[in-house]
Amino acid sequence: MKHLFFLKYIFTLLIFSFLGGCITTHQGAESYFRSGSIKSQEGNYKGAMKDFKRVLKINPKHAKAYLGRSNIKYNLKNYKGAIEDCSTAIRLNPELTDAYFNLGISYYELKRYKKAIAEFDRSIKRRPQDAEAYYLRGKAKMRMGNASGACSDWQKAVGMSYTQAAEMQKKYCTNKPNANKMLEEAPAQVRETRDNE
């Protein structure tokens, strides 16, 4: 009887030790994630990358860490790396709307406008009130020669009070011959705080 009690005691200790380790590990990953997000927002990309790497070492299925890392890679102009991390984030969590947005802007920078439009479509489907996604999809459509599609997207963004879309609409949609003079403006900076909180 004492032997059975001792085994139950040992088993209980093992379970609590395991659960405690899991909780500590989870807390460690989240702590590194928060630290990485803050460092990224401050422009400390090297420090943020180290923190996100630590998160992924603890939890390789942490989709938001891949998303955070994609923001950094985008800002460092490593668009292919950003695409890889966004794709992994989506595979792990298809509900991360910003991953689709990040794919769109990364493909845009690589001049893969058709793919950019497809990703902005997916982003807009999940967040229909995202004026920036309409604005950038409009820019990609303009690059593909679809001026009416671009103007339509910019009109939607203007309806959401997106100033840059109003400027593009005024410049390219009121005077159709100017449509071929598309500016070489880069998309707006990735909003690092989107879905990273």
N, C-alpha and C. Protein backbone atom coordinates (compact mmCIF):
# COMPACT_ATOMS: atom_id res chain seq x y z
N MET A 1 0.82 -1.19 0.00
CA MET A 1 0.00 0.00 0.00
C MET A 1 0.87 1.27 0.00
N LYS A 2 1.94 1.26 0.84
CA LYS A 2 2.84 2.40 0.87
C LYS A 2 3.51 2.59 -0.50
N HIS A 3 3.81 1.47 -1.12
CA HIS A 3 4.47 1.50 -2.43
C HIS A 3 3.57 2.18 -3.46
N LEU A 4 2.28 1.84 -3.46
CA LEU A 4 1.32 2.42 -4.39
C LEU A 4 1.16 3.93 -4.14
N PHE A 5 1.08 4.31 -2.86
CA PHE A 5 0.98 5.73 -2.51
C PHE A 5 2.22 6.48 -3.01
N PHE A 6 3.38 5.89 -2.82
CA PHE A 6 4.64 6.51 -3.25
C PHE A 6 4.65 6.71 -4.77
N LEU A 7 4.19 5.71 -5.51
CA LEU A 7 4.13 5.82 -6.98
C LEU A 7 3.16 6.92 -7.41
N LYS A 8 2.01 7.02 -6.76
CA LYS A 8 1.06 8.09 -7.08
C LYS A 8 1.68 9.45 -6.79
N TYR A 9 2.40 9.54 -5.68
CA TYR A 9 3.06 10.79 -5.29
C TYR A 9 4.10 11.19 -6.35
N ILE A 10 4.91 10.24 -6.75
CA ILE A 10 5.95 10.50 -7.76
C ILE A 10 5.29 10.90 -9.08
N PHE A 11 4.25 10.18 -9.47
CA PHE A 11 3.54 10.47 -10.72
C PHE A 11 2.96 11.89 -10.69
N THR A 12 2.34 12.25 -9.56
CA THR A 12 1.77 13.59 -9.40
C THR A 12 2.86 14.66 -9.50
N LEU A 13 3.99 14.43 -8.87
CA LEU A 13 5.11 15.37 -8.95
C LEU A 13 5.60 15.53 -10.39
N LEU A 14 5.68 14.43 -11.09
CA LEU A 14 6.13 14.48 -12.49
C LEU A 14 5.16 15.29 -13.35
N ILE A 15 3.88 15.09 -13.15
CA ILE A 15 2.88 15.83 -13.92
C ILE A 15 2.99 17.32 -13.64
N PHE A 16 3.06 17.69 -12.36
CA PHE A 16 3.17 19.11 -12.03
C PHE A 16 4.48 19.71 -12.52
N SER A 17 5.54 18.95 -12.48
CA SER A 17 6.82 19.44 -12.99
C SER A 17 6.73 19.69 -14.49
N PHE A 18 6.11 18.74 -15.20
CA PHE A 18 5.95 18.88 -16.64
C PHE A 18 5.09 20.09 -16.98
N LEU A 19 3.93 20.21 -16.29
CA LEU A 19 3.04 21.34 -16.55
C LEU A 19 3.71 22.66 -16.20
N GLY A 20 4.44 22.69 -15.11
CA GLY A 20 5.17 23.90 -14.72
C GLY A 20 6.19 24.27 -15.77
N GLY A 21 6.89 23.28 -16.31
CA GLY A 21 7.86 23.53 -17.37
C GLY A 21 7.20 24.07 -18.62
N CYS A 22 6.03 23.52 -18.96
CA CYS A 22 5.31 24.00 -20.14
C CYS A 22 4.87 25.44 -19.96
N ILE A 23 4.36 25.76 -18.77
CA ILE A 23 3.92 27.13 -18.50
C ILE A 23 5.10 28.08 -18.57
N THR A 24 6.21 27.70 -17.95
CA THR A 24 7.40 28.54 -17.97
C THR A 24 7.90 28.73 -19.40
N THR A 25 7.91 27.66 -20.17
CA THR A 25 8.35 27.74 -21.57
C THR A 25 7.44 28.68 -22.36
N HIS A 26 6.11 28.53 -22.16
CA HIS A 26 5.16 29.40 -22.86
C HIS A 26 5.38 30.85 -22.47
N GLN A 27 5.55 31.10 -21.17
CA GLN A 27 5.79 32.47 -20.70
C GLN A 27 7.08 33.02 -21.28
N GLY A 28 8.10 32.18 -21.36
CA GLY A 28 9.38 32.61 -21.94
C GLY A 28 9.23 33.01 -23.39
N ALA A 29 8.49 32.20 -24.15
CA ALA A 29 8.27 32.51 -25.56
C ALA A 29 7.51 33.82 -25.71
N GLU A 30 6.47 34.01 -24.90
CA GLU A 30 5.68 35.24 -24.99
C GLU A 30 6.49 36.46 -24.55
N SER A 31 7.34 36.27 -23.56
CA SER A 31 8.20 37.37 -23.11
C SER A 31 9.16 37.79 -24.22
N TYR A 32 9.79 36.82 -24.87
CA TYR A 32 10.69 37.12 -25.99
C TYR A 32 9.91 37.76 -27.15
N PHE A 33 8.67 37.28 -27.37
CA PHE A 33 7.87 37.84 -28.45
C PHE A 33 7.56 39.31 -28.20
N ARG A 34 7.13 39.63 -26.97
CA ARG A 34 6.85 41.03 -26.63
C ARG A 34 8.10 41.89 -26.78
N SER A 35 9.22 41.35 -26.30
CA SER A 35 10.48 42.08 -26.40
C SER A 35 10.86 42.31 -27.87
N GLY A 36 10.71 41.28 -28.68
CA GLY A 36 11.02 41.40 -30.11
C GLY A 36 10.13 42.42 -30.80
N SER A 37 8.85 42.43 -30.44
CA SER A 37 7.91 43.38 -31.04
C SER A 37 8.28 44.82 -30.68
N ILE A 38 8.64 45.04 -29.43
CA ILE A 38 9.04 46.38 -28.99
C ILE A 38 10.32 46.82 -29.70
N LYS A 39 11.30 45.92 -29.73
CA LYS A 39 12.56 46.26 -30.40
C LYS A 39 12.34 46.55 -31.88
N SER A 40 11.47 45.80 -32.50
CA SER A 40 11.18 46.02 -33.92
C SER A 40 10.56 47.39 -34.13
N GLN A 41 9.61 47.77 -33.28
CA GLN A 41 8.96 49.08 -33.39
C GLN A 41 9.96 50.21 -33.17
N GLU A 42 10.96 49.96 -32.35
CA GLU A 42 11.99 50.97 -32.07
C GLU A 42 13.06 51.01 -33.16
N GLY A 43 13.00 50.08 -34.11
CA GLY A 43 13.99 50.03 -35.18
C GLY A 43 15.22 49.21 -34.84
N ASN A 44 15.20 48.52 -33.71
CA ASN A 44 16.31 47.64 -33.31
C ASN A 44 16.06 46.27 -33.93
N TYR A 45 16.27 46.18 -35.24
CA TYR A 45 15.94 44.96 -35.96
C TYR A 45 16.82 43.78 -35.58
N LYS A 46 18.09 44.05 -35.32
CA LYS A 46 19.00 42.97 -34.94
C LYS A 46 18.55 42.33 -33.62
N GLY A 47 18.24 43.16 -32.64
CA GLY A 47 17.76 42.65 -31.36
C GLY A 47 16.43 41.94 -31.48
N ALA A 48 15.55 42.51 -32.30
CA ALA A 48 14.23 41.90 -32.51
C ALA A 48 14.36 40.53 -33.17
N MET A 49 15.24 40.44 -34.17
CA MET A 49 15.44 39.15 -34.84
C MET A 49 15.94 38.09 -33.86
N LYS A 50 16.83 38.48 -32.95
CA LYS A 50 17.32 37.53 -31.94
C LYS A 50 16.17 37.05 -31.06
N ASP A 51 15.32 37.99 -30.65
CA ASP A 51 14.19 37.61 -29.80
C ASP A 51 13.22 36.70 -30.53
N PHE A 52 12.90 37.02 -31.79
CA PHE A 52 11.98 36.17 -32.54
C PHE A 52 12.59 34.78 -32.78
N LYS A 53 13.91 34.74 -32.97
CA LYS A 53 14.59 33.46 -33.13
C LYS A 53 14.45 32.62 -31.85
N ARG A 54 14.57 33.29 -30.70
CA ARG A 54 14.40 32.59 -29.41
C ARG A 54 12.98 32.05 -29.27
N VAL A 55 12.00 32.88 -29.67
CA VAL A 55 10.61 32.43 -29.61
C VAL A 55 10.44 31.16 -30.42
N LEU A 56 10.96 31.17 -31.64
CA LEU A 56 10.77 30.03 -32.54
C LEU A 56 11.57 28.82 -32.10
N LYS A 57 12.63 29.03 -31.34
CA LYS A 57 13.37 27.90 -30.79
C LYS A 57 12.53 27.23 -29.70
N ILE A 58 11.84 28.04 -28.90
CA ILE A 58 10.98 27.52 -27.84
C ILE A 58 9.70 26.93 -28.43
N ASN A 59 9.11 27.67 -29.38
CA ASN A 59 7.84 27.25 -29.97
C ASN A 59 7.89 27.47 -31.49
N PRO A 60 8.30 26.45 -32.24
CA PRO A 60 8.42 26.59 -33.69
C PRO A 60 7.09 26.83 -34.42
N LYS A 61 5.98 26.76 -33.69
CA LYS A 61 4.66 26.98 -34.31
C LYS A 61 4.06 28.33 -33.91
N HIS A 62 4.89 29.25 -33.47
CA HIS A 62 4.43 30.58 -33.04
C HIS A 62 4.27 31.45 -34.29
N ALA A 63 3.07 31.45 -34.84
CA ALA A 63 2.80 32.13 -36.12
C ALA A 63 3.11 33.62 -36.06
N LYS A 64 2.78 34.26 -34.95
CA LYS A 64 3.00 35.71 -34.86
C LYS A 64 4.49 36.06 -34.83
N ALA A 65 5.32 35.15 -34.36
CA ALA A 65 6.77 35.40 -34.40
C ALA A 65 7.25 35.40 -35.85
N TYR A 66 6.71 34.49 -36.66
CA TYR A 66 7.06 34.51 -38.09
C TYR A 66 6.57 35.80 -38.74
N LEU A 67 5.37 36.25 -38.35
CA LEU A 67 4.84 37.50 -38.89
C LEU A 67 5.72 38.67 -38.47
N GLY A 68 6.12 38.71 -37.20
CA GLY A 68 7.00 39.78 -36.73
C GLY A 68 8.32 39.78 -37.48
N ARG A 69 8.85 38.59 -37.69
CA ARG A 69 10.11 38.48 -38.42
C ARG A 69 9.94 38.92 -39.87
N SER A 70 8.77 38.64 -40.45
CA SER A 70 8.52 39.08 -41.84
C SER A 70 8.50 40.61 -41.93
N ASN A 71 7.97 41.27 -40.90
CA ASN A 71 7.98 42.74 -40.88
C ASN A 71 9.41 43.27 -40.95
N ILE A 72 10.28 42.67 -40.16
CA ILE A 72 11.68 43.10 -40.13
C ILE A 72 12.33 42.85 -41.48
N LYS A 73 12.13 41.67 -42.02
CA LYS A 73 12.74 41.34 -43.32
C LYS A 73 12.23 42.29 -44.40
N TYR A 74 10.95 42.63 -44.35
CA TYR A 74 10.42 43.59 -45.32
C TYR A 74 11.13 44.93 -45.16
N ASN A 75 11.21 45.42 -43.94
CA ASN A 75 11.84 46.73 -43.69
C ASN A 75 13.32 46.74 -44.05
N LEU A 76 13.96 45.57 -44.04
CA LEU A 76 15.36 45.45 -44.45
C LEU A 76 15.48 45.13 -45.94
N LYS A 77 14.35 45.18 -46.64
CA LYS A 77 14.28 44.94 -48.09
C LYS A 77 14.61 43.49 -48.48
N ASN A 78 14.44 42.57 -47.55
CA ASN A 78 14.59 41.15 -47.82
C ASN A 78 13.18 40.61 -48.11
N TYR A 79 12.66 40.95 -49.29
CA TYR A 79 11.27 40.64 -49.62
C TYR A 79 11.03 39.15 -49.77
N LYS A 80 11.98 38.43 -50.32
CA LYS A 80 11.81 36.97 -50.45
C LYS A 80 11.75 36.32 -49.07
N GLY A 81 12.60 36.77 -48.16
CA GLY A 81 12.57 36.25 -46.79
C GLY A 81 11.26 36.58 -46.10
N ALA A 82 10.74 37.78 -46.35
CA ALA A 82 9.45 38.19 -45.77
C ALA A 82 8.34 37.28 -46.29
N ILE A 83 8.39 36.97 -47.58
CA ILE A 83 7.38 36.08 -48.17
C ILE A 83 7.44 34.70 -47.54
N GLU A 84 8.64 34.17 -47.34
CA GLU A 84 8.79 32.85 -46.72
C GLU A 84 8.18 32.84 -45.32
N ASP A 85 8.50 33.87 -44.52
CA ASP A 85 7.98 33.91 -43.15
C ASP A 85 6.47 34.11 -43.13
N CYS A 86 5.94 34.95 -44.02
CA CYS A 86 4.48 35.14 -44.09
C CYS A 86 3.79 33.84 -44.47
N SER A 87 4.36 33.14 -45.42
CA SER A 87 3.77 31.87 -45.86
C SER A 87 3.74 30.87 -44.71
N THR A 88 4.80 30.83 -43.92
CA THR A 88 4.84 29.94 -42.76
C THR A 88 3.80 30.37 -41.73
N ALA A 89 3.70 31.67 -41.48
CA ALA A 89 2.71 32.18 -40.52
C ALA A 89 1.30 31.79 -40.94
N ILE A 90 1.00 31.91 -42.22
CA ILE A 90 -0.34 31.57 -42.73
C ILE A 90 -0.59 30.07 -42.61
N ARG A 91 0.43 29.28 -42.90
CA ARG A 91 0.28 27.82 -42.77
C ARG A 91 -0.06 27.46 -41.32
N LEU A 92 0.57 28.15 -40.37
CA LEU A 92 0.34 27.87 -38.95
C LEU A 92 -0.96 28.49 -38.43
N ASN A 93 -1.33 29.65 -38.98
CA ASN A 93 -2.55 30.33 -38.54
C ASN A 93 -3.15 31.12 -39.70
N PRO A 94 -4.05 30.50 -40.46
CA PRO A 94 -4.63 31.16 -41.63
C PRO A 94 -5.45 32.41 -41.31
N GLU A 95 -5.70 32.68 -40.04
CA GLU A 95 -6.49 33.85 -39.66
C GLU A 95 -5.66 35.11 -39.44
N LEU A 96 -4.34 35.03 -39.61
CA LEU A 96 -3.48 36.21 -39.44
C LEU A 96 -3.60 37.11 -40.67
N THR A 97 -4.55 38.00 -40.64
CA THR A 97 -4.83 38.87 -41.78
C THR A 97 -3.61 39.64 -42.23
N ASP A 98 -2.81 40.12 -41.29
CA ASP A 98 -1.65 40.92 -41.67
C ASP A 98 -0.61 40.13 -42.45
N ALA A 99 -0.61 38.83 -42.31
CA ALA A 99 0.33 38.03 -43.09
C ALA A 99 0.00 38.13 -44.58
N TYR A 100 -1.28 38.16 -44.92
CA TYR A 100 -1.69 38.32 -46.32
C TYR A 100 -1.31 39.72 -46.82
N PHE A 101 -1.53 40.72 -45.96
CA PHE A 101 -1.15 42.09 -46.30
C PHE A 101 0.35 42.16 -46.55
N ASN A 102 1.14 41.58 -45.65
CA ASN A 102 2.60 41.60 -45.80
C ASN A 102 3.05 40.87 -47.07
N LEU A 103 2.37 39.78 -47.40
CA LEU A 103 2.67 39.10 -48.66
C LEU A 103 2.42 40.04 -49.83
N GLY A 104 1.30 40.75 -49.77
CA GLY A 104 0.96 41.68 -50.85
C GLY A 104 2.01 42.75 -51.05
N ILE A 105 2.46 43.38 -49.97
CA ILE A 105 3.45 44.45 -50.14
C ILE A 105 4.81 43.90 -50.54
N SER A 106 5.12 42.69 -50.09
CA SER A 106 6.41 42.09 -50.48
C SER A 106 6.41 41.72 -51.96
N TYR A 107 5.32 41.12 -52.43
CA TYR A 107 5.22 40.82 -53.87
C TYR A 107 5.23 42.11 -54.69
N TYR A 108 4.58 43.16 -54.17
CA TYR A 108 4.58 44.44 -54.88
C TYR A 108 6.01 44.94 -55.06
N GLU A 109 6.80 44.88 -54.02
CA GLU A 109 8.18 45.36 -54.10
C GLU A 109 9.01 44.54 -55.08
N LEU A 110 8.67 43.26 -55.24
CA LEU A 110 9.37 42.40 -56.20
C LEU A 110 8.79 42.55 -57.61
N LYS A 111 7.87 43.47 -57.77
CA LYS A 111 7.21 43.74 -59.05
C LYS A 111 6.41 42.54 -59.56
N ARG A 112 5.93 41.74 -58.64
CA ARG A 112 5.07 40.60 -58.96
C ARG A 112 3.64 41.04 -58.64
N TYR A 113 3.15 41.93 -59.48
CA TYR A 113 1.91 42.63 -59.20
C TYR A 113 0.69 41.72 -59.16
N LYS A 114 0.66 40.72 -60.03
CA LYS A 114 -0.48 39.80 -60.05
C LYS A 114 -0.59 39.07 -58.70
N LYS A 115 0.54 38.60 -58.19
CA LYS A 115 0.54 37.93 -56.89
C LYS A 115 0.20 38.92 -55.77
N ALA A 116 0.70 40.14 -55.89
CA ALA A 116 0.40 41.17 -54.88
C ALA A 116 -1.11 41.40 -54.81
N ILE A 117 -1.74 41.52 -55.97
CA ILE A 117 -3.19 41.75 -56.02
C ILE A 117 -3.92 40.58 -55.37
N ALA A 118 -3.50 39.36 -55.66
CA ALA A 118 -4.16 38.18 -55.08
C ALA A 118 -4.06 38.20 -53.55
N GLU A 119 -2.90 38.59 -53.03
CA GLU A 119 -2.74 38.62 -51.57
C GLU A 119 -3.53 39.77 -50.95
N PHE A 120 -3.56 40.92 -51.63
CA PHE A 120 -4.40 42.01 -51.12
C PHE A 120 -5.87 41.61 -51.15
N ASP A 121 -6.28 40.85 -52.17
CA ASP A 121 -7.66 40.33 -52.22
C ASP A 121 -7.95 39.51 -50.96
N ARG A 122 -7.02 38.62 -50.62
CA ARG A 122 -7.21 37.77 -49.43
C ARG A 122 -7.23 38.60 -48.15
N SER A 123 -6.39 39.62 -48.09
CA SER A 123 -6.36 40.50 -46.92
C SER A 123 -7.67 41.27 -46.79
N ILE A 124 -8.14 41.83 -47.89
CA ILE A 124 -9.38 42.62 -47.89
C ILE A 124 -10.58 41.74 -47.55
N LYS A 125 -10.57 40.51 -48.02
CA LYS A 125 -11.67 39.59 -47.70
C LYS A 125 -11.78 39.41 -46.18
N ARG A 126 -10.64 39.37 -45.51
CA ARG A 126 -10.63 39.16 -44.06
C ARG A 126 -10.82 40.46 -43.28
N ARG A 127 -10.43 41.58 -43.87
CA ARG A 127 -10.56 42.88 -43.20
C ARG A 127 -11.03 43.90 -44.25
N PRO A 128 -12.34 43.91 -44.53
CA PRO A 128 -12.86 44.75 -45.61
C PRO A 128 -12.74 46.26 -45.39
N GLN A 129 -12.45 46.70 -44.20
CA GLN A 129 -12.33 48.13 -43.93
C GLN A 129 -10.87 48.59 -43.88
N ASP A 130 -9.97 47.83 -44.48
CA ASP A 130 -8.55 48.19 -44.48
C ASP A 130 -8.24 49.08 -45.68
N ALA A 131 -8.30 50.37 -45.44
CA ALA A 131 -8.10 51.35 -46.52
C ALA A 131 -6.73 51.21 -47.17
N GLU A 132 -5.71 50.92 -46.37
CA GLU A 132 -4.36 50.80 -46.92
C GLU A 132 -4.25 49.64 -47.90
N ALA A 133 -4.94 48.55 -47.62
CA ALA A 133 -4.92 47.40 -48.53
C ALA A 133 -5.57 47.77 -49.87
N TYR A 134 -6.68 48.52 -49.83
CA TYR A 134 -7.30 48.97 -51.08
C TYR A 134 -6.36 49.90 -51.84
N TYR A 135 -5.72 50.80 -51.12
CA TYR A 135 -4.80 51.75 -51.74
C TYR A 135 -3.66 51.02 -52.46
N LEU A 136 -3.05 50.07 -51.76
CA LEU A 136 -1.91 49.36 -52.35
C LEU A 136 -2.34 48.41 -53.46
N ARG A 137 -3.51 47.80 -53.30
CA ARG A 137 -4.01 46.96 -54.39
C ARG A 137 -4.26 47.83 -55.62
N GLY A 138 -4.74 49.04 -55.40
CA GLY A 138 -4.93 49.98 -56.51
C GLY A 138 -3.62 50.29 -57.21
N LYS A 139 -2.55 50.48 -56.44
CA LYS A 139 -1.24 50.75 -57.05
C LYS A 139 -0.79 49.55 -57.89
N ALA A 140 -1.00 48.34 -57.37
CA ALA A 140 -0.61 47.15 -58.12
C ALA A 140 -1.44 47.02 -59.40
N LYS A 141 -2.73 47.32 -59.30
CA LYS A 141 -3.59 47.26 -60.50
C LYS A 141 -3.13 48.28 -61.54
N MET A 142 -2.75 49.47 -61.08
CA MET A 142 -2.27 50.50 -62.01
C MET A 142 -1.01 50.00 -62.72
N ARG A 143 -0.12 49.35 -61.99
CA ARG A 143 1.11 48.80 -62.58
C ARG A 143 0.80 47.73 -63.62
N MET A 144 -0.32 47.04 -63.44
CA MET A 144 -0.73 46.00 -64.39
C MET A 144 -1.50 46.60 -65.57
N GLY A 145 -1.70 47.91 -65.56
CA GLY A 145 -2.41 48.57 -66.65
C GLY A 145 -3.91 48.64 -66.45
N ASN A 146 -4.39 48.31 -65.27
CA ASN A 146 -5.82 48.33 -64.98
C ASN A 146 -6.17 49.63 -64.24
N ALA A 147 -6.21 50.73 -65.00
CA ALA A 147 -6.47 52.04 -64.40
C ALA A 147 -7.85 52.12 -63.76
N SER A 148 -8.86 51.54 -64.40
CA SER A 148 -10.21 51.63 -63.82
C SER A 148 -10.29 50.84 -62.51
N GLY A 149 -9.62 49.68 -62.46
CA GLY A 149 -9.58 48.91 -61.21
C GLY A 149 -8.85 49.66 -60.11
N ALA A 150 -7.75 50.31 -60.49
CA ALA A 150 -6.98 51.11 -59.52
C ALA A 150 -7.83 52.24 -58.99
N CYS A 151 -8.50 52.94 -59.88
CA CYS A 151 -9.33 54.08 -59.46
C CYS A 151 -10.48 53.62 -58.56
N SER A 152 -11.04 52.47 -58.86
CA SER A 152 -12.11 51.93 -58.02
C SER A 152 -11.59 51.63 -56.61
N ASP A 153 -10.41 51.01 -56.52
CA ASP A 153 -9.83 50.72 -55.20
C ASP A 153 -9.50 52.01 -54.45
N TRP A 154 -8.96 52.98 -55.15
CA TRP A 154 -8.62 54.24 -54.49
C TRP A 154 -9.88 54.95 -54.01
N GLN A 155 -10.96 54.83 -54.79
CA GLN A 155 -12.23 55.44 -54.38
C GLN A 155 -12.70 54.82 -53.06
N LYS A 156 -12.58 53.49 -52.95
CA LYS A 156 -12.97 52.83 -51.70
C LYS A 156 -12.11 53.31 -50.54
N ALA A 157 -10.81 53.45 -50.79
CA ALA A 157 -9.90 53.91 -49.73
C ALA A 157 -10.20 55.36 -49.35
N VAL A 158 -10.54 56.19 -50.33
CA VAL A 158 -10.91 57.58 -50.06
C VAL A 158 -12.16 57.60 -49.17
N GLY A 159 -13.10 56.72 -49.45
CA GLY A 159 -14.31 56.61 -48.63
C GLY A 159 -14.02 56.25 -47.18
N MET A 160 -12.81 55.74 -46.94
CA MET A 160 -12.37 55.41 -45.57
C MET A 160 -11.37 56.45 -45.06
N SER A 161 -11.35 57.60 -45.74
CA SER A 161 -10.51 58.74 -45.34
C SER A 161 -9.01 58.47 -45.45
N TYR A 162 -8.60 57.72 -46.44
CA TYR A 162 -7.18 57.44 -46.64
C TYR A 162 -6.61 58.51 -47.58
N THR A 163 -5.84 59.42 -47.04
CA THR A 163 -5.34 60.60 -47.75
C THR A 163 -4.52 60.28 -48.98
N GLN A 164 -3.61 59.32 -48.87
CA GLN A 164 -2.76 58.98 -50.02
C GLN A 164 -3.59 58.50 -51.21
N ALA A 165 -4.68 57.81 -50.92
CA ALA A 165 -5.54 57.34 -52.01
C ALA A 165 -6.21 58.52 -52.70
N ALA A 166 -6.57 59.53 -51.93
CA ALA A 166 -7.19 60.73 -52.52
C ALA A 166 -6.21 61.42 -53.45
N GLU A 167 -4.94 61.46 -53.05
CA GLU A 167 -3.92 62.07 -53.90
C GLU A 167 -3.74 61.29 -55.20
N MET A 168 -3.69 59.97 -55.09
CA MET A 168 -3.53 59.13 -56.29
C MET A 168 -4.76 59.25 -57.19
N GLN A 169 -5.91 59.26 -56.57
CA GLN A 169 -7.15 59.36 -57.35
C GLN A 169 -7.19 60.69 -58.11
N LYS A 170 -6.82 61.76 -57.42
CA LYS A 170 -6.82 63.07 -58.06
C LYS A 170 -5.82 63.11 -59.21
N LYS A 171 -4.66 62.50 -58.98
CA LYS A 171 -3.59 62.55 -59.98
C LYS A 171 -3.86 61.66 -61.19
N TYR A 172 -4.41 60.46 -60.96
CA TYR A 172 -4.51 59.47 -62.04
C TYR A 172 -5.92 59.16 -62.52
N CYS A 173 -6.91 59.51 -61.72
CA CYS A 173 -8.26 59.08 -62.10
C CYS A 173 -9.10 60.21 -62.69
N THR A 174 -8.72 61.43 -62.43
CA THR A 174 -9.49 62.54 -63.00
C THR A 174 -8.97 62.92 -64.38
N ASN A 175 -7.73 62.53 -64.68
CA ASN A 175 -7.12 62.84 -65.96
C ASN A 175 -6.47 61.55 -66.48
N LYS A 176 -7.22 60.75 -67.20
CA LYS A 176 -6.77 59.42 -67.63
C LYS A 176 -5.42 59.37 -68.33
N PRO A 177 -5.01 60.35 -69.15
CA PRO A 177 -3.69 60.25 -69.80
C PRO A 177 -2.53 60.19 -68.80
N ASN A 178 -2.74 60.70 -67.59
CA ASN A 178 -1.67 60.65 -66.58
C ASN A 178 -1.50 59.26 -65.97
N ALA A 179 -2.38 58.33 -66.29
CA ALA A 179 -2.33 57.01 -65.67
C ALA A 179 -1.00 56.30 -65.92
N ASN A 180 -0.33 56.60 -67.02
CA ASN A 180 0.94 55.94 -67.32
C ASN A 180 2.12 56.55 -66.56
N LYS A 181 1.89 57.63 -65.86
CA LYS A 181 2.96 58.30 -65.12
C LYS A 181 2.98 57.86 -63.65
N MET A 182 2.65 56.64 -63.42
CA MET A 182 2.57 56.12 -62.04
C MET A 182 3.85 56.43 -61.28
N LEU A 183 3.69 56.96 -60.10
CA LEU A 183 4.84 57.29 -59.27
C LEU A 183 5.57 56.03 -58.81
N GLU A 184 6.83 56.19 -58.49
CA GLU A 184 7.64 55.08 -57.97
C GLU A 184 7.61 55.06 -56.45
N GLU A 185 6.47 55.45 -55.88
CA GLU A 185 6.37 55.47 -54.43
C GLU A 185 6.38 54.04 -53.90
N ALA A 186 7.10 53.84 -52.83
CA ALA A 186 7.09 52.53 -52.18
C ALA A 186 5.82 52.44 -51.34
N PRO A 187 5.33 51.23 -51.13
CA PRO A 187 4.17 51.09 -50.25
C PRO A 187 4.50 51.64 -48.86
N ALA A 188 3.48 51.97 -48.14
CA ALA A 188 3.67 52.46 -46.77
C ALA A 188 4.40 51.41 -45.94
N GLN A 189 5.11 51.87 -44.93
CA GLN A 189 5.84 50.95 -44.05
C GLN A 189 4.87 49.91 -43.50
N VAL A 190 5.37 48.73 -43.32
CA VAL A 190 4.56 47.67 -42.73
C VAL A 190 4.15 48.12 -41.34
N ARG A 191 2.91 47.95 -41.05
CA ARG A 191 2.44 48.31 -39.72
C ARG A 191 2.79 47.18 -38.78
N GLU A 192 3.90 47.36 -38.09
CA GLU A 192 4.45 46.29 -37.26
C GLU A 192 3.55 45.94 -36.10
N THR A 193 2.69 46.85 -35.71
CA THR A 193 1.85 46.57 -34.56
C THR A 193 0.61 45.77 -34.94
N ARG A 194 0.30 45.68 -36.23
CA ARG A 194 -0.88 44.94 -36.64
C ARG A 194 -0.69 43.47 -36.31
N ASP A 195 -1.59 42.92 -35.57
CA ASP A 195 -1.61 41.51 -35.19
C ASP A 195 -0.38 41.07 -34.42
N ASN A 196 0.49 41.97 -34.04
CA ASN A 196 1.67 41.59 -33.26
C ASN A 196 1.44 41.78 -31.77
N GLU A 197 0.30 42.25 -31.39
CA GLU A 197 0.06 42.51 -29.97
C GLU A 197 -0.55 41.30 -29.32
